[in-house]
């Protein structure tokens, strides 16, 4: 690698939540709010620990959080939906 390559190398990434509101219960349970925790670790250290609340616009089929950026490459993230407004619950684990 040259100095230029090193200067332009991507060493961080980001994560965001995109909640889909689909299926037969979408109209009934899709109003939210939907609550999540986001926990990310890198090299056995916590680099992100936050709570997120997403409230979709009326009639929306999805809602997206802000991006949480600056996460080192190799970060492990667990996103847990802690309040799903009585909809199905999902737990995601991501690594990049």
N, C-alpha and C. Protein backbone atom coordinates (compact mmCIF):
# COMPACT_ATOMS: atom_id res chain seq x y z
N UNK A 1 0.83 -1.18 0.00
CA UNK A 1 0.00 0.00 0.00
C UNK A 1 0.88 1.24 0.00
N UNK A 2 0.46 2.21 -0.74
CA UNK A 2 1.14 3.50 -0.71
C UNK A 2 0.49 4.39 0.33
N UNK A 3 1.13 5.52 0.62
CA UNK A 3 0.53 6.47 1.56
C UNK A 3 -0.84 6.92 1.07
N UNK A 4 -0.99 7.09 -0.24
CA UNK A 4 -2.27 7.51 -0.80
C UNK A 4 -3.33 6.43 -0.57
N UNK A 5 -2.95 5.15 -0.79
CA UNK A 5 -3.90 4.05 -0.56
C UNK A 5 -4.33 4.02 0.90
N UNK A 6 -3.39 4.18 1.80
CA UNK A 6 -3.69 4.17 3.23
C UNK A 6 -4.61 5.32 3.60
N UNK A 7 -4.36 6.48 3.04
CA UNK A 7 -5.18 7.65 3.35
C UNK A 7 -6.61 7.47 2.87
N UNK A 8 -6.81 6.71 1.81
CA UNK A 8 -8.15 6.54 1.24
C UNK A 8 -8.81 5.22 1.64
N UNK A 9 -8.15 4.43 2.46
CA UNK A 9 -8.70 3.13 2.88
C UNK A 9 -9.90 3.35 3.80
N UNK A 10 -10.93 2.54 3.62
CA UNK A 10 -12.10 2.61 4.48
C UNK A 10 -11.81 1.78 5.73
N UNK A 11 -11.86 2.42 6.89
CA UNK A 11 -11.55 1.71 8.13
C UNK A 11 -12.74 1.72 9.09
N UNK A 12 -13.82 2.37 8.70
CA UNK A 12 -15.02 2.39 9.54
C UNK A 12 -16.25 2.13 8.69
N UNK A 13 -17.32 1.79 9.37
CA UNK A 13 -18.59 1.57 8.70
C UNK A 13 -19.72 2.14 9.53
N UNK A 14 -20.93 1.85 9.14
CA UNK A 14 -22.09 2.37 9.87
C UNK A 14 -23.19 1.32 9.89
N UNK A 15 -24.13 1.54 10.77
CA UNK A 15 -25.28 0.65 10.87
C UNK A 15 -26.52 1.52 11.09
N UNK A 16 -27.64 1.10 10.51
CA UNK A 16 -28.92 1.75 10.78
C UNK A 16 -30.00 0.69 10.76
N UNK A 17 -31.11 1.03 11.37
CA UNK A 17 -32.24 0.11 11.48
C UNK A 17 -33.28 0.50 10.45
N UNK A 18 -33.76 -0.48 9.69
CA UNK A 18 -34.87 -0.26 8.78
C UNK A 18 -35.97 -1.24 9.17
N UNK A 19 -37.03 -0.73 9.77
CA UNK A 19 -38.15 -1.56 10.23
C UNK A 19 -39.19 -1.62 9.11
N UNK A 20 -39.46 -2.82 8.61
CA UNK A 20 -40.50 -3.02 7.60
C UNK A 20 -41.83 -3.26 8.29
N UNK A 21 -42.87 -2.70 7.73
CA UNK A 21 -44.23 -2.85 8.27
C UNK A 21 -45.06 -3.48 7.17
N UNK A 22 -45.10 -4.81 7.17
CA UNK A 22 -45.76 -5.54 6.08
C UNK A 22 -46.59 -6.67 6.66
N UNK A 23 -47.37 -7.28 5.81
CA UNK A 23 -48.16 -8.44 6.21
C UNK A 23 -49.53 -8.06 6.71
N UNK A 24 -50.32 -9.08 7.08
CA UNK A 24 -51.70 -8.84 7.47
C UNK A 24 -51.86 -7.97 8.71
N UNK A 25 -50.88 -7.94 9.59
CA UNK A 25 -50.98 -7.13 10.80
C UNK A 25 -50.42 -5.73 10.65
N UNK A 26 -49.89 -5.41 9.48
CA UNK A 26 -49.25 -4.11 9.27
C UNK A 26 -50.14 -2.93 9.60
N UNK A 27 -51.38 -2.97 9.16
CA UNK A 27 -52.30 -1.86 9.42
C UNK A 27 -52.65 -1.76 10.90
N UNK A 28 -52.81 -2.91 11.54
CA UNK A 28 -53.23 -2.94 12.94
C UNK A 28 -52.09 -2.60 13.91
N UNK A 29 -50.89 -3.15 13.64
CA UNK A 29 -49.78 -3.00 14.58
C UNK A 29 -48.65 -2.11 14.07
N UNK A 30 -48.77 -1.57 12.88
CA UNK A 30 -47.68 -0.83 12.27
C UNK A 30 -47.55 0.62 12.67
N UNK A 31 -48.31 1.06 13.66
CA UNK A 31 -48.26 2.47 14.06
C UNK A 31 -47.10 2.76 14.99
N UNK A 32 -46.56 1.71 15.64
CA UNK A 32 -45.45 1.90 16.56
C UNK A 32 -45.91 2.57 17.84
N UNK A 33 -45.02 3.18 18.58
CA UNK A 33 -43.59 3.25 18.25
C UNK A 33 -42.90 1.91 18.47
N UNK A 34 -41.79 1.72 17.73
CA UNK A 34 -40.97 0.53 17.84
C UNK A 34 -39.67 0.92 18.54
N UNK A 35 -39.29 0.16 19.55
CA UNK A 35 -38.09 0.49 20.32
C UNK A 35 -37.04 -0.60 20.17
N UNK A 36 -35.78 -0.17 20.08
CA UNK A 36 -34.65 -1.06 19.85
C UNK A 36 -33.49 -0.68 20.77
N UNK A 37 -32.64 -1.66 21.03
CA UNK A 37 -31.33 -1.39 21.60
C UNK A 37 -30.30 -1.79 20.55
N UNK A 38 -29.23 -1.03 20.50
CA UNK A 38 -28.13 -1.31 19.58
C UNK A 38 -26.87 -1.41 20.44
N UNK A 39 -26.22 -2.56 20.41
CA UNK A 39 -24.99 -2.79 21.17
C UNK A 39 -23.94 -3.28 20.19
N UNK A 40 -22.86 -2.53 20.08
CA UNK A 40 -21.77 -2.90 19.17
C UNK A 40 -20.46 -2.98 19.95
N UNK A 41 -19.69 -4.03 19.66
CA UNK A 41 -18.40 -4.20 20.31
C UNK A 41 -17.31 -4.39 19.26
N UNK A 42 -16.13 -3.96 19.62
CA UNK A 42 -14.96 -4.14 18.78
C UNK A 42 -13.78 -4.42 19.70
N UNK A 43 -13.07 -5.50 19.44
CA UNK A 43 -11.90 -5.86 20.23
C UNK A 43 -12.24 -5.91 21.72
N UNK A 44 -13.39 -6.52 22.03
CA UNK A 44 -13.88 -6.71 23.41
C UNK A 44 -14.22 -5.40 24.11
N UNK A 45 -14.39 -4.32 23.35
CA UNK A 45 -14.79 -3.03 23.93
C UNK A 45 -16.12 -2.60 23.33
N UNK A 46 -16.96 -1.98 24.14
CA UNK A 46 -18.22 -1.45 23.64
C UNK A 46 -17.93 -0.15 22.90
N UNK A 47 -18.36 -0.09 21.63
CA UNK A 47 -18.17 1.12 20.83
C UNK A 47 -19.49 1.83 20.55
N UNK A 48 -20.61 1.15 20.81
CA UNK A 48 -21.93 1.78 20.66
C UNK A 48 -22.90 1.04 21.56
N UNK A 49 -23.62 1.78 22.37
CA UNK A 49 -24.65 1.23 23.25
C UNK A 49 -25.73 2.30 23.34
N UNK A 50 -26.81 2.11 22.58
CA UNK A 50 -27.84 3.14 22.52
C UNK A 50 -29.22 2.53 22.38
N UNK A 51 -30.21 3.35 22.68
CA UNK A 51 -31.62 2.98 22.50
C UNK A 51 -32.18 3.83 21.37
N UNK A 52 -33.05 3.22 20.57
CA UNK A 52 -33.63 3.89 19.41
C UNK A 52 -35.14 3.69 19.44
N UNK A 53 -35.89 4.75 19.21
CA UNK A 53 -37.34 4.68 19.07
C UNK A 53 -37.70 5.15 17.67
N UNK A 54 -38.43 4.31 16.94
CA UNK A 54 -38.86 4.64 15.58
C UNK A 54 -40.38 4.71 15.54
N UNK A 55 -40.89 5.82 15.05
CA UNK A 55 -42.33 6.00 14.88
C UNK A 55 -42.60 6.29 13.41
N UNK A 56 -43.23 5.37 12.70
CA UNK A 56 -43.47 5.58 11.28
C UNK A 56 -44.56 6.62 11.02
N UNK A 57 -44.49 7.23 9.85
CA UNK A 57 -45.56 8.11 9.41
C UNK A 57 -46.81 7.27 9.16
N UNK A 58 -47.97 7.89 9.27
CA UNK A 58 -49.22 7.16 9.06
C UNK A 58 -49.24 6.52 7.67
N UNK A 59 -49.54 5.23 7.63
CA UNK A 59 -49.64 4.49 6.38
C UNK A 59 -48.30 4.05 5.80
N UNK A 60 -47.19 4.34 6.48
CA UNK A 60 -45.87 3.97 5.97
C UNK A 60 -45.67 2.46 6.00
N UNK A 61 -44.87 1.96 5.08
CA UNK A 61 -44.54 0.53 5.05
C UNK A 61 -43.16 0.26 5.63
N UNK A 62 -42.45 1.32 6.04
CA UNK A 62 -41.16 1.15 6.70
C UNK A 62 -40.78 2.45 7.40
N UNK A 63 -39.81 2.33 8.30
CA UNK A 63 -39.26 3.49 8.99
C UNK A 63 -37.78 3.18 9.25
N UNK A 64 -36.92 4.19 9.09
CA UNK A 64 -35.48 3.98 9.19
C UNK A 64 -34.86 4.92 10.21
N UNK A 65 -33.91 4.40 10.97
CA UNK A 65 -33.20 5.21 11.96
C UNK A 65 -32.11 6.03 11.28
N UNK A 66 -31.52 6.91 12.06
CA UNK A 66 -30.31 7.59 11.60
C UNK A 66 -29.21 6.54 11.48
N UNK A 67 -28.16 6.86 10.76
CA UNK A 67 -27.00 5.97 10.67
C UNK A 67 -26.09 6.22 11.86
N UNK A 68 -25.61 5.16 12.45
CA UNK A 68 -24.61 5.24 13.50
C UNK A 68 -23.28 4.92 12.84
N UNK A 69 -22.47 5.93 12.63
CA UNK A 69 -21.25 5.77 11.84
C UNK A 69 -20.00 5.80 12.71
N UNK A 70 -18.87 5.59 12.06
CA UNK A 70 -17.60 5.60 12.75
C UNK A 70 -17.27 4.29 13.45
N UNK A 71 -17.98 3.22 13.11
CA UNK A 71 -17.75 1.92 13.74
C UNK A 71 -16.57 1.23 13.03
N UNK A 72 -15.57 0.79 13.78
CA UNK A 72 -14.41 0.15 13.17
C UNK A 72 -14.80 -1.10 12.38
N UNK A 73 -14.08 -1.36 11.28
CA UNK A 73 -14.29 -2.59 10.53
C UNK A 73 -14.00 -3.77 11.46
N UNK A 74 -14.88 -4.76 11.48
CA UNK A 74 -14.76 -5.90 12.38
C UNK A 74 -15.65 -5.78 13.61
N UNK A 75 -16.43 -4.70 13.69
CA UNK A 75 -17.35 -4.49 14.80
C UNK A 75 -18.48 -5.53 14.75
N UNK A 76 -18.88 -6.03 15.90
CA UNK A 76 -20.05 -6.91 16.03
C UNK A 76 -21.18 -6.11 16.65
N UNK A 77 -22.34 -6.12 16.00
CA UNK A 77 -23.50 -5.39 16.52
C UNK A 77 -24.66 -6.34 16.74
N UNK A 78 -25.37 -6.15 17.84
CA UNK A 78 -26.62 -6.85 18.11
C UNK A 78 -27.70 -5.79 18.22
N UNK A 79 -28.73 -5.94 17.41
CA UNK A 79 -29.87 -5.03 17.43
C UNK A 79 -31.06 -5.84 17.91
N UNK A 80 -31.66 -5.39 19.01
CA UNK A 80 -32.79 -6.10 19.60
C UNK A 80 -34.00 -5.18 19.62
N UNK A 81 -35.11 -5.67 19.11
CA UNK A 81 -36.36 -4.92 19.18
C UNK A 81 -36.95 -5.18 20.56
N UNK A 82 -36.97 -4.15 21.40
CA UNK A 82 -37.39 -4.30 22.79
C UNK A 82 -38.87 -4.00 23.00
N UNK A 83 -39.48 -3.24 22.11
CA UNK A 83 -40.92 -2.98 22.16
C UNK A 83 -41.41 -2.93 20.73
N UNK A 84 -42.12 -3.97 20.34
CA UNK A 84 -42.53 -4.11 18.95
C UNK A 84 -43.98 -3.73 18.69
N UNK A 85 -44.60 -3.03 19.63
CA UNK A 85 -46.00 -2.61 19.48
C UNK A 85 -46.90 -3.79 19.12
N UNK A 86 -46.62 -4.95 19.74
CA UNK A 86 -47.37 -6.20 19.55
C UNK A 86 -47.20 -6.84 18.18
N UNK A 87 -46.18 -6.44 17.44
CA UNK A 87 -45.86 -7.09 16.16
C UNK A 87 -44.82 -8.18 16.40
N UNK A 88 -44.41 -8.89 15.35
CA UNK A 88 -43.39 -9.92 15.48
C UNK A 88 -42.07 -9.29 15.89
N UNK A 89 -41.28 -10.02 16.67
CA UNK A 89 -40.02 -9.53 17.20
C UNK A 89 -38.85 -10.13 16.43
N UNK A 90 -37.81 -9.34 16.21
CA UNK A 90 -36.62 -9.80 15.52
C UNK A 90 -35.38 -9.41 16.29
N UNK A 91 -34.37 -10.27 16.23
CA UNK A 91 -33.05 -9.97 16.82
C UNK A 91 -32.03 -10.19 15.72
N UNK A 92 -31.18 -9.22 15.50
CA UNK A 92 -30.20 -9.30 14.44
C UNK A 92 -28.79 -9.20 15.00
N UNK A 93 -27.89 -9.96 14.40
CA UNK A 93 -26.46 -9.84 14.72
C UNK A 93 -25.74 -9.53 13.42
N UNK A 94 -24.93 -8.50 13.44
CA UNK A 94 -24.23 -8.07 12.24
C UNK A 94 -22.74 -8.01 12.51
N UNK A 95 -21.95 -8.31 11.49
CA UNK A 95 -20.50 -8.15 11.58
C UNK A 95 -20.01 -7.70 10.21
N UNK A 96 -19.12 -6.72 10.20
CA UNK A 96 -18.51 -6.31 8.94
C UNK A 96 -17.06 -6.01 9.14
